[in-house]
PDB file of N, CA and C in Angstrom:
ATOM      1  N   MET A   1      -6.490  -4.582 -10.698  1.00  0.00           N
ATOM      2  CA  MET A   1      -6.228  -3.440  -9.914  1.00  0.00           C
ATOM      3  C   MET A   1      -4.740  -3.929  -9.362  1.00  0.00           C
ATOM      4  N   VAL A   2      -3.774  -3.241  -9.223  1.00  0.00           N
ATOM      5  CA  VAL A   2      -2.565  -3.467  -8.376  1.00  0.00           C
ATOM      6  C   VAL A   2      -2.420  -2.631  -7.267  1.00  0.00           C
ATOM      7  N   ILE A   3      -2.160  -2.979  -6.190  1.00  0.00           N
ATOM      8  CA  ILE A   3      -1.961  -2.408  -4.972  1.00  0.00           C
ATOM      9  C   ILE A   3      -0.425  -2.263  -4.516  1.00  0.00           C
ATOM     10  N   GLN A   4       0.141  -1.307  -4.533  1.00  0.00           N
ATOM     11  CA  GLN A   4       1.557  -1.519  -4.210  1.00  0.00           C
ATOM     12  C   GLN A   4       1.868  -0.778  -2.828  1.00  0.00           C
ATOM     13  N   ILE A   5       2.499  -1.797  -1.885  1.00  0.00           N
ATOM     14  CA  ILE A   5       3.172  -1.377  -0.720  1.00  0.00           C
ATOM     15  C   ILE A   5       4.366  -0.928  -0.865  1.00  0.00           C
ATOM     16  N   LEU A   6       4.824   0.100  -0.406  1.00  0.00           N
ATOM     17  CA  LEU A   6       6.185   0.930  -0.819  1.00  0.00           C
ATOM     18  C   LEU A   6       6.669   0.911   0.697  1.00  0.00           C
ATOM     19  N   GLY A   7       7.640   0.331   0.871  1.00  0.00           N
ATOM     20  CA  GLY A   7       8.644   0.289   2.040  1.00  0.00           C
ATOM     21  C   GLY A   7       9.857  -0.679   2.084  1.00  0.00           C
ATOM     22  N   SER A   8      10.416  -0.513   3.169  1.00  0.00           N
ATOM     23  CA  SER A   8      11.642  -1.678   3.264  1.00  0.00           C
ATOM     24  C   SER A   8      11.396  -3.029   4.003  1.00  0.00           C
ATOM     25  N   GLY A   9      10.255  -3.411   4.267  1.00  0.00           N
ATOM     26  CA  GLY A   9       9.715  -4.450   4.794  1.00  0.00           C
ATOM     27  C   GLY A   9       9.607  -4.453   6.194  1.00  0.00           C
ATOM     28  N   CYS A  10       9.762  -3.324   6.973  1.00  0.00           N
ATOM     29  CA  CYS A  10       9.606  -2.941   8.389  1.00  0.00           C
ATOM     30  C   CYS A  10       8.298  -3.506   8.843  1.00  0.00           C
ATOM     31  N   PRO A  11       7.934  -3.435  10.018  1.00  0.00           N
ATOM     32  CA  PRO A  11       6.730  -3.878  10.931  1.00  0.00           C
ATOM     33  C   PRO A  11       5.717  -3.224  10.399  1.00  0.00           C
ATOM     34  N   ASN A  12       6.027  -1.744  10.111  1.00  0.00           N
ATOM     35  CA  ASN A  12       4.557  -0.800   9.678  1.00  0.00           C
ATOM     36  C   ASN A  12       4.333  -1.467   8.181  1.00  0.00           C
ATOM     37  N   CYS A  13       5.355  -1.353   7.275  1.00  0.00           N
ATOM     38  CA  CYS A  13       4.881  -2.062   5.975  1.00  0.00           C
ATOM     39  C   CYS A  13       4.197  -3.238   5.987  1.00  0.00           C
ATOM     40  N   ARG A  14       4.862  -4.157   6.779  1.00  0.00           N
ATOM     41  CA  ARG A  14       3.874  -5.345   7.046  1.00  0.00           C
ATOM     42  C   ARG A  14       2.525  -5.327   7.558  1.00  0.00           C
ATOM     43  N   ARG A  15       2.243  -4.406   8.398  1.00  0.00           N
ATOM     44  CA  ARG A  15       1.110  -4.179   8.767  1.00  0.00           C
ATOM     45  C   ARG A  15       0.071  -3.406   7.793  1.00  0.00           C
ATOM     46  N   LEU A  16       0.673  -2.684   7.108  1.00  0.00           N
ATOM     47  CA  LEU A  16      -0.050  -1.837   5.868  1.00  0.00           C
ATOM     48  C   LEU A  16      -0.457  -2.973   4.744  1.00  0.00           C
ATOM     49  N   GLU A  17       0.427  -3.862   4.410  1.00  0.00           N
ATOM     50  CA  GLU A  17       0.337  -4.967   3.544  1.00  0.00           C
ATOM     51  C   GLU A  17      -1.049  -5.830   4.164  1.00  0.00           C
ATOM     52  N   GLY A  18      -0.794  -6.297   5.396  1.00  0.00           N
ATOM     53  CA  GLY A  18      -2.046  -6.855   6.202  1.00  0.00           C
ATOM     54  C   GLY A  18      -3.290  -6.424   5.697  1.00  0.00           C
ATOM     55  N   ASN A  19      -3.096  -5.176   6.246  1.00  0.00           N
ATOM     56  CA  ASN A  19      -4.611  -4.291   6.098  1.00  0.00           C
ATOM     57  C   ASN A  19      -5.030  -4.295   4.629  1.00  0.00           C
ATOM     58  N   ALA A  20      -4.112  -4.135   3.709  1.00  0.00           N
ATOM     59  CA  ALA A  20      -4.405  -4.195   2.426  1.00  0.00           C
ATOM     60  C   ALA A  20      -5.140  -5.424   1.868  1.00  0.00           C
ATOM     61  N   ARG A  21      -4.596  -6.284   2.352  1.00  0.00           N
ATOM     62  CA  ARG A  21      -5.029  -7.772   2.013  1.00  0.00           C
ATOM     63  C   ARG A  21      -6.546  -8.035   2.707  1.00  0.00           C
ATOM     64  N   GLU A  22      -6.613  -7.481   4.055  1.00  0.00           N
ATOM     65  CA  GLU A  22      -8.013  -7.443   4.433  1.00  0.00           C
ATOM     66  C   GLU A  22      -8.979  -6.673   3.786  1.00  0.00           C
ATOM     67  N   ALA A  23      -8.751  -5.412   3.404  1.00  0.00           N
ATOM     68  CA  ALA A  23      -9.551  -4.572   2.552  1.00  0.00           C
ATOM     69  C   ALA A  23     -10.036  -5.245   1.412  1.00  0.00           C
ATOM     70  N   ILE A  24      -8.999  -6.055   0.659  1.00  0.00           N
ATOM     71  CA  ILE A  24      -9.363  -6.670  -0.659  1.00  0.00           C
ATOM     72  C   ILE A  24     -10.347  -7.822  -0.330  1.00  0.00           C
ATOM     73  N   ASN A  25      -9.966  -8.583   0.615  1.00  0.00           N
ATOM     74  CA  ASN A  25     -11.162  -9.757   0.998  1.00  0.00           C
ATOM     75  C   ASN A  25     -12.314  -9.223   1.458  1.00  0.00           C
ATOM     76  N   ASN A  26     -12.472  -8.118   2.212  1.00  0.00           N
ATOM     77  CA  ASN A  26     -13.607  -7.717   2.602  1.00  0.00           C
ATOM     78  C   ASN A  26     -14.543  -7.154   1.521  1.00  0.00           C
ATOM     79  N   LEU A  27     -13.983  -6.535   0.648  1.00  0.00           N
ATOM     80  CA  LEU A  27     -14.774  -6.249  -0.640  1.00  0.00           C
ATOM     81  C   LEU A  27     -14.866  -7.140  -1.587  1.00  0.00           C
ATOM     82  N   GLY A  28     -13.908  -8.057  -1.712  1.00  0.00           N
ATOM     83  CA  GLY A  28     -14.341  -9.247  -2.421  1.00  0.00           C
ATOM     84  C   GLY A  28     -13.698  -8.659  -4.051  1.00  0.00           C
ATOM     85  N   ILE A  29     -12.865  -7.849  -4.083  1.00  0.00           N
ATOM     86  CA  ILE A  29     -12.232  -7.460  -5.514  1.00  0.00           C
ATOM     87  C   ILE A  29     -11.221  -8.268  -5.812  1.00  0.00           C
ATOM     88  N   ASP A  30     -10.828  -7.964  -7.180  1.00  0.00           N
ATOM     89  CA  ASP A  30      -9.814  -8.753  -7.774  1.00  0.00           C
ATOM     90  C   ASP A  30      -8.628  -7.627  -7.846  1.00  0.00           C
ATOM     91  N   ALA A  31      -7.615  -7.885  -6.899  1.00  0.00           N
ATOM     92  CA  ALA A  31      -6.484  -7.078  -6.934  1.00  0.00           C
ATOM     93  C   ALA A  31      -5.336  -7.772  -6.446  1.00  0.00           C
ATOM     94  N   ASN A  32      -4.287  -7.430  -7.147  1.00  0.00           N
ATOM     95  CA  ASN A  32      -3.070  -8.080  -6.531  1.00  0.00           C
ATOM     96  C   ASN A  32      -2.124  -6.749  -5.778  1.00  0.00           C
ATOM     97  N   ILE A  33      -1.527  -7.402  -4.801  1.00  0.00           N
ATOM     98  CA  ILE A  33      -0.574  -6.714  -3.748  1.00  0.00           C
ATOM     99  C   ILE A  33       0.813  -6.905  -4.285  1.00  0.00           C
ATOM    100  N   VAL A  34       1.484  -5.976  -4.739  1.00  0.00           N
ATOM    101  CA  VAL A  34       3.146  -5.889  -5.009  1.00  0.00           C
ATOM    102  C   VAL A  34       3.567  -4.882  -3.973  1.00  0.00           C
ATOM    103  N   LYS A  35       4.971  -5.718  -3.481  1.00  0.00           N
ATOM    104  CA  LYS A  35       5.487  -4.945  -2.557  1.00  0.00           C
ATOM    105  C   LYS A  35       6.789  -4.273  -3.221  1.00  0.00           C
ATOM    106  N   ILE A  36       7.031  -3.088  -2.774  1.00  0.00           N
ATOM    107  CA  ILE A  36       8.137  -2.294  -3.659  1.00  0.00           C
ATOM    108  C   ILE A  36       9.077  -2.143  -2.564  1.00  0.00           C
ATOM    109  N   GLN A  37      10.354  -2.939  -2.575  1.00  0.00           N
ATOM    110  CA  GLN A  37      11.250  -2.575  -1.298  1.00  0.00           C
ATOM    111  C   GLN A  37      12.479  -1.862  -1.822  1.00  0.00           C
ATOM    112  N   ASP A  38      12.671  -1.594  -3.223  1.00  0.00           N
ATOM    113  CA  ASP A  38      13.882  -0.594  -3.636  1.00  0.00           C
ATOM    114  C   ASP A  38      13.755   0.545  -3.347  1.00  0.00           C
ATOM    115  N   MET A  39      14.561   1.302  -2.775  1.00  0.00           N
ATOM    116  CA  MET A  39      14.412   2.437  -2.398  1.00  0.00           C
ATOM    117  C   MET A  39      14.651   3.493  -3.296  1.00  0.00           C
ATOM    118  N   ASP A  40      15.279   2.974  -4.341  1.00  0.00           N
ATOM    119  CA  ASP A  40      15.418   3.932  -5.587  1.00  0.00           C
ATOM    120  C   ASP A  40      13.882   4.103  -6.328  1.00  0.00           C
ATOM    121  N   ALA A  41      13.418   2.974  -6.459  1.00  0.00           N
ATOM    122  CA  ALA A  41      12.010   2.576  -7.072  1.00  0.00           C
ATOM    123  C   ALA A  41      10.902   3.531  -6.456  1.00  0.00           C
ATOM    124  N   ILE A  42      10.970   3.299  -4.891  1.00  0.00           N
ATOM    125  CA  ILE A  42      10.136   4.193  -4.032  1.00  0.00           C
ATOM    126  C   ILE A  42      10.579   5.680  -4.019  1.00  0.00           C
ATOM    127  N   MET A  43      11.508   6.011  -4.373  1.00  0.00           N
ATOM    128  CA  MET A  43      11.748   7.657  -4.299  1.00  0.00           C
ATOM    129  C   MET A  43      11.496   8.095  -5.851  1.00  0.00           C
ATOM    130  N   ASP A  44      11.688   7.379  -6.813  1.00  0.00           N
ATOM    131  CA  ASP A  44      11.299   7.593  -8.092  1.00  0.00           C
ATOM    132  C   ASP A  44       9.563   7.978  -8.133  1.00  0.00           C
ATOM    133  N   MET A  45       8.967   7.242  -7.089  1.00  0.00           N
ATOM    134  CA  MET A  45       7.379   7.431  -6.931  1.00  0.00           C
ATOM    135  C   MET A  45       7.041   8.578  -6.257  1.00  0.00           C
ATOM    136  N   GLY A  46       8.139   9.464  -5.922  1.00  0.00           N
ATOM    137  CA  GLY A  46       7.894  10.621  -5.040  1.00  0.00           C
ATOM    138  C   GLY A  46       7.785  10.657  -3.755  1.00  0.00           C
ATOM    139  N   VAL A  47       7.893   9.233  -3.171  1.00  0.00           N
ATOM    140  CA  VAL A  47       7.874   8.899  -1.821  1.00  0.00           C
ATOM    141  C   VAL A  47       9.075   8.797  -0.866  1.00  0.00           C
ATOM    142  N   MET A  48       8.837  10.061   0.260  1.00  0.00           N
ATOM    143  CA  MET A  48      10.084  10.024   0.831  1.00  0.00           C
ATOM    144  C   MET A  48       9.814   9.369   2.341  1.00  0.00           C
ATOM    145  N   ILE A  49       8.651   9.179   2.659  1.00  0.00           N
ATOM    146  CA  ILE A  49       8.630   8.693   4.009  1.00  0.00           C
ATOM    147  C   ILE A  49       7.714   7.210   3.666  1.00  0.00           C
ATOM    148  N   THR A  50       8.331   6.389   4.175  1.00  0.00           N
ATOM    149  CA  THR A  50       7.418   4.947   4.223  1.00  0.00           C
ATOM    150  C   THR A  50       6.885   4.777   5.606  1.00  0.00           C
ATOM    151  N   PRO A  51       5.850   3.904   5.430  1.00  0.00           N
ATOM    152  CA  PRO A  51       5.062   3.030   4.438  1.00  0.00           C
ATOM    153  C   PRO A  51       4.366   3.823   3.345  1.00  0.00           C
ATOM    154  N   GLY A  52       4.163   3.250   2.241  1.00  0.00           N
ATOM    155  CA  GLY A  52       3.584   4.079   1.356  1.00  0.00           C
ATOM    156  C   GLY A  52       2.282   3.205   0.549  1.00  0.00           C
ATOM    157  N   LEU A  53       1.343   3.742   0.408  1.00  0.00           N
ATOM    158  CA  LEU A  53       0.373   2.878  -0.545  1.00  0.00           C
ATOM    159  C   LEU A  53       0.021   3.571  -1.985  1.00  0.00           C
ATOM    160  N   ALA A  54       0.139   2.649  -3.122  1.00  0.00           N
ATOM    161  CA  ALA A  54      -0.355   3.303  -4.266  1.00  0.00           C
ATOM    162  C   ALA A  54      -1.212   2.369  -4.749  1.00  0.00           C
ATOM    163  N   ILE A  55      -2.127   2.893  -5.593  1.00  0.00           N
ATOM    164  CA  ILE A  55      -3.015   1.995  -6.238  1.00  0.00           C
ATOM    165  C   ILE A  55      -2.851   2.370  -7.823  1.00  0.00           C
ATOM    166  N   ASP A  56      -2.441   1.043  -8.445  1.00  0.00           N
ATOM    167  CA  ASP A  56      -2.461   1.335 -10.089  1.00  0.00           C
ATOM    168  C   ASP A  56      -1.286   2.346 -10.145  1.00  0.00           C
ATOM    169  N   GLY A  57      -0.247   2.343  -9.698  1.00  0.00           N
ATOM    170  CA  GLY A  57       0.888   3.364  -9.712  1.00  0.00           C
ATOM    171  C   GLY A  57       0.668   4.724  -9.267  1.00  0.00           C
ATOM    172  N   VAL A  58      -0.642   5.161  -8.694  1.00  0.00           N
ATOM    173  CA  VAL A  58      -0.561   6.470  -8.218  1.00  0.00           C
ATOM    174  C   VAL A  58      -0.637   6.493  -6.551  1.00  0.00           C
ATOM    175  N   VAL A  59       0.264   7.132  -5.962  1.00  0.00           N
ATOM    176  CA  VAL A  59       0.575   7.058  -4.465  1.00  0.00           C
ATOM    177  C   VAL A  59      -0.601   7.805  -3.898  1.00  0.00           C
ATOM    178  N   LYS A  60      -0.954   7.073  -2.846  1.00  0.00           N
ATOM    179  CA  LYS A  60      -2.332   7.431  -2.401  1.00  0.00           C
ATOM    180  C   LYS A  60      -2.049   8.047  -1.076  1.00  0.00           C
ATOM    181  N   LYS A  61      -1.036   7.359  -0.221  1.00  0.00           N
ATOM    182  CA  LYS A  61      -0.886   7.817   1.208  1.00  0.00           C
ATOM    183  C   LYS A  61       0.627   7.458   1.602  1.00  0.00           C
ATOM    184  N   THR A  62       1.605   8.235   2.347  1.00  0.00           N
ATOM    185  CA  THR A  62       2.754   7.902   2.607  1.00  0.00           C
ATOM    186  C   THR A  62       2.750   8.207   4.278  1.00  0.00           C
ATOM    187  N   GLY A  63       3.688   7.366   4.927  1.00  0.00           N
ATOM    188  CA  GLY A  63       4.058   7.786   6.275  1.00  0.00           C
ATOM    189  C   GLY A  63       3.034   7.325   7.331  1.00  0.00           C
ATOM    190  N   LYS A  64       2.170   6.686   6.866  1.00  0.00           N
ATOM    191  CA  LYS A  64       1.052   6.271   7.951  1.00  0.00           C
ATOM    192  C   LYS A  64       0.604   4.672   7.406  1.00  0.00           C
ATOM    193  N   VAL A  65       0.280   3.825   8.408  1.00  0.00           N
ATOM    194  CA  VAL A  65      -0.287   2.886   8.502  1.00  0.00           C
ATOM    195  C   VAL A  65      -1.611   2.902   8.235  1.00  0.00           C
ATOM    196  N   LEU A  66      -2.409   2.655   7.274  1.00  0.00           N
ATOM    197  CA  LEU A  66      -3.635   2.978   7.052  1.00  0.00           C
ATOM    198  C   LEU A  66      -4.480   1.564   7.711  1.00  0.00           C
ATOM    199  N   SER A  67      -5.560   1.978   7.963  1.00  0.00           N
ATOM    200  CA  SER A  67      -6.470   1.085   8.568  1.00  0.00           C
ATOM    201  C   SER A  67      -7.155   0.288   7.517  1.00  0.00           C
ATOM    202  N   VAL A  68      -7.803  -0.790   7.836  1.00  0.00           N
ATOM    203  CA  VAL A  68      -8.567  -1.421   6.628  1.00  0.00           C
ATOM    204  C   VAL A  68      -9.498  -0.758   6.145  1.00  0.00           C
ATOM    205  N   GLY A  69     -10.382   0.134   7.134  1.00  0.00           N
ATOM    206  CA  GLY A  69     -11.441   0.792   6.784  1.00  0.00           C
ATOM    207  C   GLY A  69     -11.009   1.959   5.883  1.00  0.00           C
ATOM    208  N   GLU A  70     -10.013   2.617   6.038  1.00  0.00           N
ATOM    209  CA  GLU A  70      -9.346   3.860   5.001  1.00  0.00           C
ATOM    210  C   GLU A  70      -9.065   3.208   3.739  1.00  0.00           C
ATOM    211  N   ILE A  71      -8.407   2.078   3.635  1.00  0.00           N
ATOM    212  CA  ILE A  71      -8.100   1.362   2.517  1.00  0.00           C
ATOM    213  C   ILE A  71      -9.275   1.053   1.840  1.00  0.00           C
ATOM    214  N   GLU A  72     -10.303   0.451   2.347  1.00  0.00           N
ATOM    215  CA  GLU A  72     -11.675   0.216   1.850  1.00  0.00           C
ATOM    216  C   GLU A  72     -12.176   1.566   0.843  1.00  0.00           C
ATOM    217  N   GLU A  73     -12.271   2.473   1.531  1.00  0.00           N
ATOM    218  CA  GLU A  73     -12.581   3.793   1.024  1.00  0.00           C
ATOM    219  C   GLU A  73     -12.119   4.043  -0.109  1.00  0.00           C
ATOM    220  N   MET A  74     -10.683   3.876  -0.263  1.00  0.00           N
ATOM    221  CA  MET A  74      -9.742   4.340  -1.292  1.00  0.00           C
ATOM    222  C   MET A  74     -10.159   3.235  -2.578  1.00  0.00           C
ATOM    223  N   LEU A  75     -10.338   2.111  -2.043  1.00  0.00           N
ATOM    224  CA  LEU A  75     -10.596   0.968  -3.126  1.00  0.00           C
ATOM    225  C   LEU A  75     -12.149   1.113  -3.691  1.00  0.00           C
ATOM    226  N   SER A  76     -13.011   1.935  -2.948  1.00  0.00           N
ATOM    227  CA  SER A  76     -14.629   1.697  -3.435  1.00  0.00           C
ATOM    228  C   SER A  76     -14.855   2.817  -4.333  1.00  0.00           C
TER     229      SER A  76
END
């Protein structure tokens, strides 16, 4: 599983990444986190508001820092 963090590297993007890492650890799943900071690539995925979270290339949420629990629900 690949979890993609979409954003410029702003504080909200970093918080989202941290929450995703915590969710992965809590669930004990095998997943890689990839940060996508290239705005053209982010827009190619249909994301206009960051931060965004995608799982295996499918955008799940944009414009919000998801909580650890919200990410865990998406991964379960």
